[in-house]
PDB file of N, CA and C in Angstrom:
ATOM      1  N   UNK A   1      -8.255  11.415  14.013  1.00  0.00           N
ATOM      2  CA  UNK A   1      -6.956  11.373  13.341  1.00  0.00           C
ATOM      3  C   UNK A   1      -6.543  12.810  13.031  1.00  0.00           C
ATOM      4  N   UNK A   2      -5.372  13.180  13.474  1.00  0.00           N
ATOM      5  CA  UNK A   2      -4.919  14.565  13.257  1.00  0.00           C
ATOM      6  C   UNK A   2      -4.169  14.709  11.929  1.00  0.00           C
ATOM      7  N   UNK A   3      -3.914  15.954  11.574  1.00  0.00           N
ATOM      8  CA  UNK A   3      -3.282  16.222  10.274  1.00  0.00           C
ATOM      9  C   UNK A   3      -1.853  15.673  10.215  1.00  0.00           C
ATOM     10  N   UNK A   4      -1.163  15.610  11.343  1.00  0.00           N
ATOM     11  CA  UNK A   4       0.189  15.052  11.372  1.00  0.00           C
ATOM     12  C   UNK A   4       0.162  13.567  11.010  1.00  0.00           C
ATOM     13  N   UNK A   5      -0.796  12.831  11.594  1.00  0.00           N
ATOM     14  CA  UNK A   5      -0.932  11.405  11.273  1.00  0.00           C
ATOM     15  C   UNK A   5      -1.324  11.219   9.809  1.00  0.00           C
ATOM     16  N   UNK A   6      -2.243  12.038   9.319  1.00  0.00           N
ATOM     17  CA  UNK A   6      -2.662  11.937   7.910  1.00  0.00           C
ATOM     18  C   UNK A   6      -1.463  12.149   6.978  1.00  0.00           C
ATOM     19  N   UNK A   7      -0.648  13.146   7.286  1.00  0.00           N
ATOM     20  CA  UNK A   7       0.532  13.428   6.455  1.00  0.00           C
ATOM     21  C   UNK A   7       1.542  12.288   6.540  1.00  0.00           C
ATOM     22  N   UNK A   8       1.716  11.716   7.733  1.00  0.00           N
ATOM     23  CA  UNK A   8       2.668  10.613   7.916  1.00  0.00           C
ATOM     24  C   UNK A   8       2.213   9.374   7.142  1.00  0.00           C
ATOM     25  N   UNK A   9       0.911   9.104   7.144  1.00  0.00           N
ATOM     26  CA  UNK A   9       0.368   7.965   6.414  1.00  0.00           C
ATOM     27  C   UNK A   9       0.592   8.151   4.915  1.00  0.00           C
ATOM     28  N   UNK A  10       0.277   9.342   4.423  1.00  0.00           N
ATOM     29  CA  UNK A  10       0.473   9.598   2.991  1.00  0.00           C
ATOM     30  C   UNK A  10       1.950   9.460   2.613  1.00  0.00           C
ATOM     31  N   UNK A  11       2.840  10.010   3.435  1.00  0.00           N
ATOM     32  CA  UNK A  11       4.283   9.940   3.150  1.00  0.00           C
ATOM     33  C   UNK A  11       4.764   8.489   3.138  1.00  0.00           C
ATOM     34  N   UNK A  12       4.249   7.669   4.043  1.00  0.00           N
ATOM     35  CA  UNK A  12       4.646   6.258   4.112  1.00  0.00           C
ATOM     36  C   UNK A  12       4.269   5.546   2.805  1.00  0.00           C
ATOM     37  N   UNK A  13       3.055   5.776   2.324  1.00  0.00           N
ATOM     38  CA  UNK A  13       2.599   5.136   1.092  1.00  0.00           C
ATOM     39  C   UNK A  13       3.402   5.658  -0.104  1.00  0.00           C
ATOM     40  N   UNK A  14       3.608   6.965  -0.157  1.00  0.00           N
ATOM     41  CA  UNK A  14       4.387   7.547  -1.261  1.00  0.00           C
ATOM     42  C   UNK A  14       5.795   6.978  -1.301  1.00  0.00           C
ATOM     43  N   UNK A  15       6.412   6.832  -0.120  1.00  0.00           N
ATOM     44  CA  UNK A  15       7.786   6.322  -0.063  1.00  0.00           C
ATOM     45  C   UNK A  15       7.842   4.856  -0.485  1.00  0.00           C
ATOM     46  N   UNK A  16       6.807   4.069  -0.111  1.00  0.00           N
ATOM     47  CA  UNK A  16       6.794   2.675  -0.549  1.00  0.00           C
ATOM     48  C   UNK A  16       6.603   2.592  -2.067  1.00  0.00           C
ATOM     49  N   UNK A  17       5.692   3.393  -2.617  1.00  0.00           N
ATOM     50  CA  UNK A  17       5.493   3.397  -4.065  1.00  0.00           C
ATOM     51  C   UNK A  17       6.784   3.779  -4.792  1.00  0.00           C
ATOM     52  N   UNK A  18       7.510   4.738  -4.236  1.00  0.00           N
ATOM     53  CA  UNK A  18       8.789   5.145  -4.833  1.00  0.00           C
ATOM     54  C   UNK A  18       9.796   3.988  -4.771  1.00  0.00           C
ATOM     55  N   UNK A  19       9.827   3.266  -3.665  1.00  0.00           N
ATOM     56  CA  UNK A  19      10.740   2.118  -3.537  1.00  0.00           C
ATOM     57  C   UNK A  19      10.397   1.047  -4.581  1.00  0.00           C
ATOM     58  N   UNK A  20       9.102   0.815  -4.822  1.00  0.00           N
ATOM     59  CA  UNK A  20       8.715  -0.142  -5.868  1.00  0.00           C
ATOM     60  C   UNK A  20       9.211   0.320  -7.232  1.00  0.00           C
ATOM     61  N   UNK A  21       9.066   1.603  -7.522  1.00  0.00           N
ATOM     62  CA  UNK A  21       9.511   2.153  -8.808  1.00  0.00           C
ATOM     63  C   UNK A  21      11.004   1.925  -9.023  1.00  0.00           C
ATOM     64  N   UNK A  22      11.766   1.952  -7.930  1.00  0.00           N
ATOM     65  CA  UNK A  22      13.219   1.805  -8.003  1.00  0.00           C
ATOM     66  C   UNK A  22      13.671   0.359  -7.799  1.00  0.00           C
ATOM     67  N   UNK A  23      12.702  -0.572  -7.749  1.00  0.00           N
ATOM     68  CA  UNK A  23      13.004  -1.980  -7.468  1.00  0.00           C
ATOM     69  C   UNK A  23      13.827  -2.139  -6.194  1.00  0.00           C
ATOM     70  N   UNK A  24      13.517  -1.331  -5.197  1.00  0.00           N
ATOM     71  CA  UNK A  24      14.193  -1.369  -3.897  1.00  0.00           C
ATOM     72  C   UNK A  24      13.372  -2.243  -2.949  1.00  0.00           C
ATOM     73  N   UNK A  25      13.616  -3.562  -3.014  1.00  0.00           N
ATOM     74  CA  UNK A  25      12.840  -4.511  -2.209  1.00  0.00           C
ATOM     75  C   UNK A  25      12.976  -4.224  -0.718  1.00  0.00           C
ATOM     76  N   UNK A  26      14.197  -3.996  -0.247  1.00  0.00           N
ATOM     77  CA  UNK A  26      14.415  -3.746   1.179  1.00  0.00           C
ATOM     78  C   UNK A  26      13.713  -2.460   1.615  1.00  0.00           C
ATOM     79  N   UNK A  27      13.778  -1.432   0.778  1.00  0.00           N
ATOM     80  CA  UNK A  27      13.117  -0.173   1.100  1.00  0.00           C
ATOM     81  C   UNK A  27      11.613  -0.333   1.174  1.00  0.00           C
ATOM     82  N   UNK A  28      11.019  -0.996   0.195  1.00  0.00           N
ATOM     83  CA  UNK A  28       9.568  -1.202   0.184  1.00  0.00           C
ATOM     84  C   UNK A  28       9.123  -2.051   1.371  1.00  0.00           C
ATOM     85  N   UNK A  29       9.900  -3.086   1.678  1.00  0.00           N
ATOM     86  CA  UNK A  29       9.598  -4.004   2.778  1.00  0.00           C
ATOM     87  C   UNK A  29       9.635  -3.267   4.121  1.00  0.00           C
ATOM     88  N   UNK A  30      10.504  -2.291   4.248  1.00  0.00           N
ATOM     89  CA  UNK A  30      10.655  -1.544   5.502  1.00  0.00           C
ATOM     90  C   UNK A  30       9.388  -0.773   5.876  1.00  0.00           C
ATOM     91  N   UNK A  31       8.532  -0.459   4.895  1.00  0.00           N
ATOM     92  CA  UNK A  31       7.312   0.290   5.166  1.00  0.00           C
ATOM     93  C   UNK A  31       6.140  -0.617   5.533  1.00  0.00           C
ATOM     94  N   UNK A  32       6.324  -1.930   5.423  1.00  0.00           N
ATOM     95  CA  UNK A  32       5.290  -2.895   5.786  1.00  0.00           C
ATOM     96  C   UNK A  32       5.291  -3.103   7.305  1.00  0.00           C
ATOM     97  N   UNK A  33       4.115  -3.423   7.839  1.00  0.00           N
ATOM     98  CA  UNK A  33       3.990  -3.663   9.281  1.00  0.00           C
ATOM     99  C   UNK A  33       4.769  -4.925   9.665  1.00  0.00           C
ATOM    100  N   UNK A  34       5.084  -5.063  10.954  1.00  0.00           N
ATOM    101  CA  UNK A  34       5.775  -6.281  11.406  1.00  0.00           C
ATOM    102  C   UNK A  34       5.017  -7.559  11.022  1.00  0.00           C
ATOM    103  N   UNK A  35       3.685  -7.520  11.054  1.00  0.00           N
ATOM    104  CA  UNK A  35       2.894  -8.699  10.682  1.00  0.00           C
ATOM    105  C   UNK A  35       3.077  -9.081   9.224  1.00  0.00           C
ATOM    106  N   UNK A  36       3.084  -8.091   8.341  1.00  0.00           N
ATOM    107  CA  UNK A  36       3.297  -8.355   6.908  1.00  0.00           C
ATOM    108  C   UNK A  36       4.726  -8.842   6.690  1.00  0.00           C
ATOM    109  N   UNK A  37       5.677  -8.230   7.382  1.00  0.00           N
ATOM    110  CA  UNK A  37       7.072  -8.664   7.246  1.00  0.00           C
ATOM    111  C   UNK A  37       7.231 -10.118   7.680  1.00  0.00           C
ATOM    112  N   UNK A  38       6.582 -10.488   8.782  1.00  0.00           N
ATOM    113  CA  UNK A  38       6.677 -11.866   9.271  1.00  0.00           C
ATOM    114  C   UNK A  38       6.026 -12.836   8.286  1.00  0.00           C
ATOM    115  N   UNK A  39       4.909 -12.422   7.696  1.00  0.00           N
ATOM    116  CA  UNK A  39       4.196 -13.264   6.741  1.00  0.00           C
ATOM    117  C   UNK A  39       5.033 -13.502   5.483  1.00  0.00           C
ATOM    118  N   UNK A  40       5.716 -12.477   5.002  1.00  0.00           N
ATOM    119  CA  UNK A  40       6.498 -12.593   3.757  1.00  0.00           C
ATOM    120  C   UNK A  40       7.894 -13.160   4.002  1.00  0.00           C
ATOM    121  N   UNK A  41       8.452 -12.873   5.157  1.00  0.00           N
ATOM    122  CA  UNK A  41       9.761 -13.413   5.508  1.00  0.00           C
ATOM    123  C   UNK A  41      10.942 -12.588   5.043  1.00  0.00           C
ATOM    124  N   UNK A  42      10.996 -12.284   3.746  1.00  0.00           N
ATOM    125  CA  UNK A  42      12.137 -11.537   3.214  1.00  0.00           C
ATOM    126  C   UNK A  42      11.651 -10.425   2.292  1.00  0.00           C
ATOM    127  N   UNK A  43      12.481  -9.388   2.105  1.00  0.00           N
ATOM    128  CA  UNK A  43      12.121  -8.334   1.155  1.00  0.00           C
ATOM    129  C   UNK A  43      11.875  -8.886  -0.251  1.00  0.00           C
ATOM    130  N   UNK A  44      12.653  -9.894  -0.649  1.00  0.00           N
ATOM    131  CA  UNK A  44      12.512 -10.463  -1.994  1.00  0.00           C
ATOM    132  C   UNK A  44      11.160 -11.161  -2.159  1.00  0.00           C
ATOM    133  N   UNK A  45      10.722 -11.899  -1.131  1.00  0.00           N
ATOM    134  CA  UNK A  45       9.407 -12.542  -1.177  1.00  0.00           C
ATOM    135  C   UNK A  45       8.300 -11.494  -1.259  1.00  0.00           C
ATOM    136  N   UNK A  46       8.441 -10.433  -0.486  1.00  0.00           N
ATOM    137  CA  UNK A  46       7.461  -9.344  -0.491  1.00  0.00           C
ATOM    138  C   UNK A  46       7.381  -8.715  -1.884  1.00  0.00           C
ATOM    139  N   UNK A  47       8.534  -8.434  -2.468  1.00  0.00           N
ATOM    140  CA  UNK A  47       8.571  -7.809  -3.780  1.00  0.00           C
ATOM    141  C   UNK A  47       7.932  -8.715  -4.831  1.00  0.00           C
ATOM    142  N   UNK A  48       8.213 -10.017  -4.774  1.00  0.00           N
ATOM    143  CA  UNK A  48       7.608 -10.960  -5.725  1.00  0.00           C
ATOM    144  C   UNK A  48       6.082 -10.970  -5.588  1.00  0.00           C
ATOM    145  N   UNK A  49       5.580 -10.957  -4.348  1.00  0.00           N
ATOM    146  CA  UNK A  49       4.144 -10.959  -4.122  1.00  0.00           C
ATOM    147  C   UNK A  49       3.511  -9.711  -4.745  1.00  0.00           C
ATOM    148  N   UNK A  50       4.131  -8.568  -4.554  1.00  0.00           N
ATOM    149  CA  UNK A  50       3.587  -7.328  -5.101  1.00  0.00           C
ATOM    150  C   UNK A  50       3.664  -7.337  -6.633  1.00  0.00           C
ATOM    151  N   UNK A  51       4.777  -7.767  -7.181  1.00  0.00           N
ATOM    152  CA  UNK A  51       4.928  -7.814  -8.638  1.00  0.00           C
ATOM    153  C   UNK A  51       3.877  -8.713  -9.287  1.00  0.00           C
ATOM    154  N   UNK A  52       3.615  -9.859  -8.668  1.00  0.00           N
ATOM    155  CA  UNK A  52       2.699 -10.843  -9.261  1.00  0.00           C
ATOM    156  C   UNK A  52       1.231 -10.482  -9.062  1.00  0.00           C
ATOM    157  N   UNK A  53       0.901  -9.984  -7.883  1.00  0.00           N
ATOM    158  CA  UNK A  53      -0.508  -9.780  -7.573  1.00  0.00           C
ATOM    159  C   UNK A  53      -0.983  -8.344  -7.507  1.00  0.00           C
ATOM    160  N   UNK A  54      -0.046  -7.403  -7.545  1.00  0.00           N
ATOM    161  CA  UNK A  54      -0.398  -6.002  -7.333  1.00  0.00           C
ATOM    162  C   UNK A  54       0.298  -5.089  -8.327  1.00  0.00           C
ATOM    163  N   UNK A  55       0.185  -5.421  -9.604  1.00  0.00           N
ATOM    164  CA  UNK A  55       0.857  -4.631 -10.641  1.00  0.00           C
ATOM    165  C   UNK A  55       0.533  -3.138 -10.564  1.00  0.00           C
ATOM    166  N   UNK A  56      -0.720  -2.735 -10.282  1.00  0.00           N
ATOM    167  CA  UNK A  56      -0.992  -1.293 -10.196  1.00  0.00           C
ATOM    168  C   UNK A  56      -0.209  -0.612  -9.056  1.00  0.00           C
ATOM    169  N   UNK A  57       0.070  -1.360  -7.982  1.00  0.00           N
ATOM    170  CA  UNK A  57       0.846  -0.825  -6.857  1.00  0.00           C
ATOM    171  C   UNK A  57       2.337  -0.805  -7.213  1.00  0.00           C
ATOM    172  N   UNK A  58       2.774  -1.864  -7.891  1.00  0.00           N
ATOM    173  CA  UNK A  58       4.193  -2.001  -8.234  1.00  0.00           C
ATOM    174  C   UNK A  58       4.633  -0.973  -9.260  1.00  0.00           C
ATOM    175  N   UNK A  59       3.831  -0.739 -10.274  1.00  0.00           N
ATOM    176  CA  UNK A  59       4.204   0.193 -11.339  1.00  0.00           C
ATOM    177  C   UNK A  59       3.010   1.065 -11.758  1.00  0.00           C
ATOM    178  N   UNK A  60       2.526   1.931 -10.851  1.00  0.00           N
ATOM    179  CA  UNK A  60       1.402   2.776 -11.248  1.00  0.00           C
ATOM    180  C   UNK A  60       1.832   3.840 -12.254  1.00  0.00           C
ATOM    181  N   UNK A  61       0.953   4.096 -13.200  1.00  0.00           N
ATOM    182  CA  UNK A  61       1.191   5.184 -14.151  1.00  0.00           C
ATOM    183  C   UNK A  61       0.823   6.516 -13.497  1.00  0.00           C
ATOM    184  N   UNK A  62      -0.233   6.481 -12.667  1.00  0.00           N
ATOM    185  CA  UNK A  62      -0.603   7.685 -11.919  1.00  0.00           C
ATOM    186  C   UNK A  62      -1.167   7.286 -10.569  1.00  0.00           C
ATOM    187  N   UNK A  63      -1.064   8.210  -9.610  1.00  0.00           N
ATOM    188  CA  UNK A  63      -1.462   7.986  -8.225  1.00  0.00           C
ATOM    189  C   UNK A  63      -2.224   9.218  -7.753  1.00  0.00           C
ATOM    190  N   UNK A  64      -3.440   9.004  -7.243  1.00  0.00           N
ATOM    191  CA  UNK A  64      -4.233  10.109  -6.702  1.00  0.00           C
ATOM    192  C   UNK A  64      -4.696   9.719  -5.304  1.00  0.00           C
ATOM    193  N   UNK A  65      -4.265  10.476  -4.304  1.00  0.00           N
ATOM    194  CA  UNK A  65      -4.677  10.223  -2.932  1.00  0.00           C
ATOM    195  C   UNK A  65      -6.067  10.798  -2.713  1.00  0.00           C
ATOM    196  N   UNK A  66      -6.931   9.985  -2.101  1.00  0.00           N
ATOM    197  CA  UNK A  66      -8.280  10.414  -1.790  1.00  0.00           C
ATOM    198  C   UNK A  66      -8.448  10.443  -0.273  1.00  0.00           C
ATOM    199  N   UNK A  67      -9.672  10.266   0.203  1.00  0.00           N
ATOM    200  CA  UNK A  67      -9.957  10.386   1.633  1.00  0.00           C
ATOM    201  C   UNK A  67      -9.349   9.251   2.447  1.00  0.00           C
ATOM    202  N   UNK A  68      -9.142   9.559   3.714  1.00  0.00           N
ATOM    203  CA  UNK A  68      -8.763   8.547   4.689  1.00  0.00           C
ATOM    204  C   UNK A  68     -10.067   8.068   5.313  1.00  0.00           C
ATOM    205  N   UNK A  69     -10.232   6.762   5.438  1.00  0.00           N
ATOM    206  CA  UNK A  69     -11.439   6.197   6.013  1.00  0.00           C
ATOM    207  C   UNK A  69     -11.029   5.229   7.120  1.00  0.00           C
ATOM    208  N   UNK A  70     -11.981   4.503   7.667  1.00  0.00           N
ATOM    209  CA  UNK A  70     -11.693   3.510   8.698  1.00  0.00           C
ATOM    210  C   UNK A  70     -12.326   2.191   8.295  1.00  0.00           C
ATOM    211  N   UNK A  71     -11.561   1.118   8.383  1.00  0.00           N
ATOM    212  CA  UNK A  71     -12.055  -0.230   8.100  1.00  0.00           C
ATOM    213  C   UNK A  71     -11.722  -1.109   9.298  1.00  0.00           C
ATOM    214  N   UNK A  72     -12.763  -1.652   9.916  1.00  0.00           N
ATOM    215  CA  UNK A  72     -12.603  -2.494  11.105  1.00  0.00           C
ATOM    216  C   UNK A  72     -11.694  -1.840  12.142  1.00  0.00           C
ATOM    217  N   UNK A  73     -11.901  -0.546  12.365  1.00  0.00           N
ATOM    218  CA  UNK A  73     -11.158   0.185  13.373  1.00  0.00           C
ATOM    219  C   UNK A  73      -9.769   0.638  12.959  1.00  0.00           C
ATOM    220  N   UNK A  74      -9.332   0.270  11.751  1.00  0.00           N
ATOM    221  CA  UNK A  74      -8.002   0.670  11.262  1.00  0.00           C
ATOM    222  C   UNK A  74      -8.133   1.815  10.276  1.00  0.00           C
ATOM    223  N   UNK A  75      -7.238   2.797  10.359  1.00  0.00           N
ATOM    224  CA  UNK A  75      -7.233   3.823   9.322  1.00  0.00           C
ATOM    225  C   UNK A  75      -6.905   3.183   7.977  1.00  0.00           C
ATOM    226  N   UNK A  76      -7.587   3.642   6.944  1.00  0.00           N
ATOM    227  CA  UNK A  76      -7.361   3.121   5.597  1.00  0.00           C
ATOM    228  C   UNK A  76      -7.305   4.290   4.622  1.00  0.00           C
ATOM    229  N   UNK A  77      -6.181   4.412   3.940  1.00  0.00           N
ATOM    230  CA  UNK A  77      -5.987   5.492   2.968  1.00  0.00           C
ATOM    231  C   UNK A  77      -6.445   5.013   1.600  1.00  0.00           C
ATOM    232  N   UNK A  78      -7.387   5.758   1.002  1.00  0.00           N
ATOM    233  CA  UNK A  78      -7.837   5.440  -0.358  1.00  0.00           C
ATOM    234  C   UNK A  78      -6.873   6.088  -1.352  1.00  0.00           C
ATOM    235  N   UNK A  79      -6.413   5.280  -2.308  1.00  0.00           N
ATOM    236  CA  UNK A  79      -5.510   5.773  -3.345  1.00  0.00           C
ATOM    237  C   UNK A  79      -5.983   5.229  -4.690  1.00  0.00           C
ATOM    238  N   UNK A  80      -6.315   6.136  -5.611  1.00  0.00           N
ATOM    239  CA  UNK A  80      -6.700   5.725  -6.965  1.00  0.00           C
ATOM    240  C   UNK A  80      -5.415   5.526  -7.766  1.00  0.00           C
ATOM    241  N   UNK A  81      -5.278   4.347  -8.348  1.00  0.00           N
ATOM    242  CA  UNK A  81      -4.084   4.023  -9.129  1.00  0.00           C
ATOM    243  C   UNK A  81      -4.477   3.704 -10.564  1.00  0.00           C
ATOM    244  N   UNK A  82      -3.630   4.098 -11.490  1.00  0.00           N
ATOM    245  CA  UNK A  82      -3.783   3.674 -12.874  1.00  0.00           C
ATOM    246  C   UNK A  82      -2.601   2.769 -13.182  1.00  0.00           C
ATOM    247  N   UNK A  83      -2.913   1.547 -13.638  1.00  0.00           N
ATOM    248  CA  UNK A  83      -1.850   0.601 -13.971  1.00  0.00           C
ATOM    249  C   UNK A  83      -1.147   1.052 -15.245  1.00  0.00           C
ATOM    250  N   UNK A  84      -0.027   0.413 -15.544  1.00  0.00           N
ATOM    251  CA  UNK A  84       0.676   0.745 -16.774  1.00  0.00           C
ATOM    252  C   UNK A  84      -0.140   0.351 -18.004  1.00  0.00           C
ATOM    253  N   UNK A  85      -1.184  -0.469 -17.811  1.00  0.00           N
ATOM    254  CA  UNK A  85      -2.096  -0.845 -18.899  1.00  0.00           C
ATOM    255  C   UNK A  85      -3.265   0.135 -19.030  1.00  0.00           C
ATOM    256  N   UNK A  86      -3.332   1.124 -18.138  1.00  0.00           N
ATOM    257  CA  UNK A  86      -4.410   2.103 -18.184  1.00  0.00           C
ATOM    258  C   UNK A  86      -5.648   1.711 -17.399  1.00  0.00           C
ATOM    259  N   UNK A  87      -5.571   0.637 -16.601  1.00  0.00           N
ATOM    260  CA  UNK A  87      -6.705   0.213 -15.788  1.00  0.00           C
ATOM    261  C   UNK A  87      -6.718   0.990 -14.480  1.00  0.00           C
ATOM    262  N   UNK A  88      -7.916   1.409 -14.071  1.00  0.00           N
ATOM    263  CA  UNK A  88      -8.060   2.115 -12.805  1.00  0.00           C
ATOM    264  C   UNK A  88      -8.426   1.136 -11.704  1.00  0.00           C
ATOM    265  N   UNK A  89      -7.837   1.335 -10.538  1.00  0.00           N
ATOM    266  CA  UNK A  89      -8.140   0.516  -9.376  1.00  0.00           C
ATOM    267  C   UNK A  89      -8.054   1.407  -8.136  1.00  0.00           C
ATOM    268  N   UNK A  90      -8.935   1.143  -7.180  1.00  0.00           N
ATOM    269  CA  UNK A  90      -8.870   1.843  -5.905  1.00  0.00           C
ATOM    270  C   UNK A  90      -8.098   0.953  -4.938  1.00  0.00           C
ATOM    271  N   UNK A  91      -7.018   1.468  -4.402  1.00  0.00           N
ATOM    272  CA  UNK A  91      -6.254   0.736  -3.396  1.00  0.00           C
ATOM    273  C   UNK A  91      -6.632   1.295  -2.028  1.00  0.00           C
ATOM    274  N   UNK A  92      -6.977   0.402  -1.117  1.00  0.00           N
ATOM    275  CA  UNK A  92      -7.220   0.794   0.272  1.00  0.00           C
ATOM    276  C   UNK A  92      -6.038   0.285   1.080  1.00  0.00           C
ATOM    277  N   UNK A  93      -5.224   1.215   1.545  1.00  0.00           N
ATOM    278  CA  UNK A  93      -4.047   0.872   2.349  1.00  0.00           C
ATOM    279  C   UNK A  93      -4.454   0.855   3.813  1.00  0.00           C
ATOM    280  N   UNK A  94      -4.411  -0.326   4.430  1.00  0.00           N
ATOM    281  CA  UNK A  94      -4.692  -0.443   5.853  1.00  0.00           C
ATOM    282  C   UNK A  94      -3.430  -0.054   6.611  1.00  0.00           C
ATOM    283  N   UNK A  95      -3.591   0.848   7.551  1.00  0.00           N
ATOM    284  CA  UNK A  95      -2.441   1.388   8.260  1.00  0.00           C
ATOM    285  C   UNK A  95      -2.460   0.945   9.719  1.00  0.00           C
ATOM    286  N   UNK A  96      -1.272   0.714  10.267  1.00  0.00           N
ATOM    287  CA  UNK A  96      -1.143   0.275  11.651  1.00  0.00           C
ATOM    288  C   UNK A  96      -0.123   1.170  12.354  1.00  0.00           C
ATOM    289  N   UNK A  97      -0.560   1.765  13.468  1.00  0.00           N
ATOM    290  CA  UNK A  97       0.372   2.600  14.229  1.00  0.00           C
ATOM    291  C   UNK A  97       1.233   1.698  15.109  1.00  0.00           C
ATOM    292  N   UNK A  98       2.521   1.952  15.095  1.00  0.00           N
ATOM    293  CA  UNK A  98       3.475   1.149  15.844  1.00  0.00           C
ATOM    294  C   UNK A  98       3.638   1.713  17.259  1.00  0.00           C
ATOM    295  N   UNK A  99       4.198   0.924  18.188  1.00  0.00           N
ATOM    296  CA  UNK A  99       4.373   1.398  19.566  1.00  0.00           C
ATOM    297  C   UNK A  99       5.155   2.715  19.667  1.00  0.00           C
ATOM    298  N   UNK A 100       6.043   2.969  18.705  1.00  0.00           N
ATOM    299  CA  UNK A 100       6.822   4.215  18.745  1.00  0.00           C
ATOM    300  C   UNK A 100       6.069   5.398  18.114  1.00  0.00           C
ATOM    301  N   UNK A 101       4.814   5.156  17.666  1.00  0.00           N
ATOM    302  CA  UNK A 101       4.008   6.231  17.099  1.00  0.00           C
ATOM    303  C   UNK A 101       4.080   6.355  15.590  1.00  0.00           C
ATOM    304  N   UNK A 102       5.015   5.655  14.957  1.00  0.00           N
ATOM    305  CA  UNK A 102       5.115   5.709  13.491  1.00  0.00           C
ATOM    306  C   UNK A 102       4.019   4.840  12.877  1.00  0.00           C
ATOM    307  N   UNK A 103       3.799   5.028  11.587  1.00  0.00           N
ATOM    308  CA  UNK A 103       2.794   4.267  10.861  1.00  0.00           C
ATOM    309  C   UNK A 103       3.466   3.295   9.904  1.00  0.00           C
ATOM    310  N   UNK A 104       2.851   2.130   9.727  1.00  0.00           N
ATOM    311  CA  UNK A 104       3.308   1.138   8.753  1.00  0.00           C
ATOM    312  C   UNK A 104       2.095   0.643   7.964  1.00  0.00           C
ATOM    313  N   UNK A 105       2.355   0.132   6.784  1.00  0.00           N
ATOM    314  CA  UNK A 105       1.303  -0.401   5.923  1.00  0.00           C
ATOM    315  C   UNK A 105       1.022  -1.836   6.349  1.00  0.00           C
ATOM    316  N   UNK A 106      -0.241  -2.100   6.721  1.00  0.00           N
ATOM    317  CA  UNK A 106      -0.617  -3.403   7.264  1.00  0.00           C
ATOM    318  C   UNK A 106      -1.442  -4.226   6.286  1.00  0.00           C
ATOM    319  N   UNK A 107      -1.543  -3.770   5.075  1.00  0.00           N
ATOM    320  CA  UNK A 107      -2.262  -4.518   4.054  1.00  0.00           C
ATOM    321  C   UNK A 107      -2.752  -3.584   2.980  1.00  0.00           C
ATOM    322  N   UNK A 108      -3.138  -4.155   1.878  1.00  0.00           N
ATOM    323  CA  UNK A 108      -3.646  -3.367   0.763  1.00  0.00           C
ATOM    324  C   UNK A 108      -4.745  -4.157   0.087  1.00  0.00           C
ATOM    325  N   UNK A 109      -5.881  -3.531  -0.067  1.00  0.00           N
ATOM    326  CA  UNK A 109      -7.009  -4.139  -0.760  1.00  0.00           C
ATOM    327  C   UNK A 109      -7.191  -3.392  -2.065  1.00  0.00           C
ATOM    328  N   UNK A 110      -7.162  -4.126  -3.164  1.00  0.00           N
ATOM    329  CA  UNK A 110      -7.399  -3.518  -4.474  1.00  0.00           C
ATOM    330  C   UNK A 110      -8.856  -3.733  -4.848  1.00  0.00           C
ATOM    331  N   UNK A 111      -9.572  -2.645  -5.040  1.00  0.00           N
ATOM    332  CA  UNK A 111     -10.978  -2.710  -5.410  1.00  0.00           C
ATOM    333  C   UNK A 111     -11.085  -2.387  -6.892  1.00  0.00           C
ATOM    334  N   UNK A 112     -11.592  -3.347  -7.654  1.00  0.00           N
ATOM    335  CA  UNK A 112     -11.663  -3.132  -9.091  1.00  0.00           C
ATOM    336  C   UNK A 112     -12.673  -2.053  -9.450  1.00  0.00           C
ATOM    337  N   UNK A 113     -12.395  -1.431 -10.554  1.00  0.00           N
ATOM    338  CA  UNK A 113     -13.313  -0.472 -11.139  1.00  0.00           C
ATOM    339  C   UNK A 113     -13.694  -1.060 -12.489  1.00  0.00           C
ATOM    340  N   UNK A 114     -14.986  -1.019 -12.795  1.00  0.00           N
ATOM    341  CA  UNK A 114     -15.498  -1.603 -14.036  1.00  0.00           C
ATOM    342  C   UNK A 114     -15.373  -3.125 -14.047  1.00  0.00           C
ATOM    343  N   UNK A 115     -15.724  -3.750 -12.915  1.00  0.00           N
ATOM    344  CA  UNK A 115     -15.894  -5.197 -12.885  1.00  0.00           C
ATOM    345  C   UNK A 115     -14.653  -6.056 -12.872  1.00  0.00           C
ATOM    346  N   UNK A 116     -13.495  -5.504 -12.544  1.00  0.00           N
ATOM    347  CA  UNK A 116     -12.293  -6.331 -12.437  1.00  0.00           C
ATOM    348  C   UNK A 116     -12.336  -7.081 -11.101  1.00  0.00           C
ATOM    349  N   UNK A 117     -11.543  -8.123 -10.927  1.00  0.00           N
ATOM    350  CA  UNK A 117     -11.553  -8.959  -9.737  1.00  0.00           C
ATOM    351  C   UNK A 117     -10.734  -8.345  -8.605  1.00  0.00           C
ATOM    352  N   UNK A 118     -11.291  -8.258  -7.367  1.00  0.00           N
ATOM    353  CA  UNK A 118     -10.522  -7.688  -6.257  1.00  0.00           C
ATOM    354  C   UNK A 118      -9.416  -8.622  -5.772  1.00  0.00           C
ATOM    355  N   UNK A 119      -8.367  -8.029  -5.202  1.00  0.00           N
ATOM    356  CA  UNK A 119      -7.261  -8.791  -4.631  1.00  0.00           C
ATOM    357  C   UNK A 119      -6.877  -8.113  -3.321  1.00  0.00           C
ATOM    358  N   UNK A 120      -6.330  -8.891  -2.384  1.00  0.00           N
ATOM    359  CA  UNK A 120      -5.910  -8.310  -1.106  1.00  0.00           C
ATOM    360  C   UNK A 120      -4.674  -9.014  -0.579  1.00  0.00           C
ATOM    361  N   UNK A 121      -3.836  -8.270   0.114  1.00  0.00           N
ATOM    362  CA  UNK A 121      -2.751  -8.870   0.910  1.00  0.00           C
ATOM    363  C   UNK A 121      -2.852  -8.291   2.289  1.00  0.00           C
ATOM    364  N   UNK A 122      -2.821  -9.163   3.252  1.00  0.00           N
ATOM    365  CA  UNK A 122      -2.893  -8.738   4.655  1.00  0.00           C
ATOM    366  C   UNK A 122      -2.381  -9.812   5.556  1.00  0.00           C
TER     367      UNK A 122
END
């Protein structure tokens, strides 16, 4: 993975997080992979899923990008998030390269810190 791809992946995640902060459902949905878009159907459904199950992603108090890793052959960006309640969670963003070379978010796995329950959308 080259530095251009790493920067593009980080920018994609940052832009989606910004769209969540602004309650921009269509904007946030646009950064999801075609598979996630098909699964959710509409930007509003996607936004509801994130609001209900991924509060640290929807409204993080702080965001720290860590290493890029690989999970089942897919690049996965590690991002430490602090929820608005002060809980820390590691988000693993699964990334999918599109035929045109751009990157999209193909899922997010929340790994609890200090014994919280994990959640995933994919």
